[in-house]
Amino acid sequence: MISEYVLPTIALIASLACVGFNIYIYIKSKKTGY
């Protein structure tokens, strides 16, 4: 079954994207001061 590997991969990518987005917002806010 492909779904056994697809779902964890999607969850992993989603979590990494979320963390990366939070880091981006953090760095952006540190630079601008907002």
N, C-alpha and C. Protein backbone atom coordinates (compact mmCIF):
# COMPACT_ATOMS: atom_id res chain seq x y z
N MET A 1 0.85 -1.20 0.00
CA MET A 1 0.00 0.00 0.00
C MET A 1 0.89 1.25 0.00
N ILE A 2 0.62 2.11 -0.96
CA ILE A 2 1.40 3.35 -1.07
C ILE A 2 1.04 4.32 0.06
N SER A 3 -0.21 4.29 0.48
CA SER A 3 -0.69 5.26 1.48
C SER A 3 0.08 5.15 2.81
N GLU A 4 0.65 3.97 3.07
CA GLU A 4 1.42 3.79 4.31
C GLU A 4 2.63 4.72 4.34
N TYR A 5 3.17 5.02 3.18
CA TYR A 5 4.36 5.86 3.09
C TYR A 5 4.01 7.30 2.73
N VAL A 6 2.91 7.47 2.01
CA VAL A 6 2.53 8.81 1.54
C VAL A 6 2.08 9.69 2.70
N LEU A 7 1.23 9.17 3.56
CA LEU A 7 0.69 9.98 4.66
C LEU A 7 1.77 10.47 5.63
N PRO A 8 2.68 9.62 6.12
CA PRO A 8 3.75 10.10 7.00
C PRO A 8 4.65 11.12 6.29
N THR A 9 4.89 10.91 5.00
CA THR A 9 5.74 11.83 4.24
C THR A 9 5.08 13.20 4.14
N ILE A 10 3.78 13.22 3.85
CA ILE A 10 3.04 14.48 3.76
C ILE A 10 3.04 15.17 5.12
N ALA A 11 2.85 14.40 6.18
CA ALA A 11 2.85 14.97 7.53
C ALA A 11 4.22 15.54 7.86
N LEU A 12 5.28 14.85 7.47
CA LEU A 12 6.64 15.32 7.74
C LEU A 12 6.92 16.61 6.98
N ILE A 13 6.57 16.63 5.69
CA ILE A 13 6.78 17.82 4.87
C ILE A 13 5.97 19.00 5.41
N ALA A 14 4.74 18.72 5.84
CA ALA A 14 3.89 19.79 6.37
C ALA A 14 4.48 20.37 7.65
N SER A 15 4.99 19.51 8.52
CA SER A 15 5.57 19.98 9.78
C SER A 15 6.85 20.77 9.52
N LEU A 16 7.67 20.30 8.57
CA LEU A 16 8.90 21.02 8.23
C LEU A 16 8.57 22.38 7.63
N ALA A 17 7.55 22.42 6.77
CA ALA A 17 7.14 23.68 6.16
C ALA A 17 6.63 24.65 7.22
N CYS A 18 5.92 24.12 8.20
CA CYS A 18 5.38 24.95 9.28
C CYS A 18 6.52 25.53 10.12
N VAL A 19 7.50 24.70 10.46
CA VAL A 19 8.64 25.15 11.25
C VAL A 19 9.45 26.17 10.46
N GLY A 20 9.68 25.89 9.19
CA GLY A 20 10.43 26.81 8.35
C GLY A 20 9.73 28.16 8.22
N PHE A 21 8.41 28.13 8.12
CA PHE A 21 7.64 29.37 8.01
C PHE A 21 7.74 30.17 9.30
N ASN A 22 7.67 29.48 10.45
CA ASN A 22 7.78 30.16 11.74
C ASN A 22 9.16 30.80 11.91
N ILE A 23 10.20 30.09 11.48
CA ILE A 23 11.56 30.63 11.56
C ILE A 23 11.69 31.85 10.65
N TYR A 24 11.09 31.78 9.46
CA TYR A 24 11.12 32.89 8.52
C TYR A 24 10.45 34.12 9.11
N ILE A 25 9.28 33.93 9.72
CA ILE A 25 8.56 35.03 10.35
C ILE A 25 9.38 35.60 11.51
N TYR A 26 10.01 34.73 12.28
CA TYR A 26 10.82 35.16 13.42
C TYR A 26 12.00 36.03 12.97
N ILE A 27 12.74 35.55 11.96
CA ILE A 27 13.88 36.30 11.44
C ILE A 27 13.42 37.62 10.83
N LYS A 28 12.32 37.57 10.10
CA LYS A 28 11.79 38.77 9.45
C LYS A 28 11.39 39.81 10.50
N SER A 29 10.77 39.36 11.58
CA SER A 29 10.34 40.27 12.64
C SER A 29 11.55 40.84 13.40
N LYS A 30 12.62 40.04 13.52
CA LYS A 30 13.82 40.50 14.20
C LYS A 30 14.51 41.59 13.38
N LYS A 31 14.50 41.45 12.05
CA LYS A 31 15.17 42.42 11.17
C LYS A 31 14.39 43.73 11.12
N THR A 32 13.08 43.65 10.95
CA THR A 32 12.27 44.85 10.79
C THR A 32 11.97 45.51 12.13
N GLY A 33 11.90 44.72 13.20
CA GLY A 33 11.63 45.26 14.52
C GLY A 33 10.15 45.19 14.88
N TYR A 34 9.36 44.61 13.98
CA TYR A 34 7.92 44.48 14.27
C TYR A 34 7.61 43.10 14.85
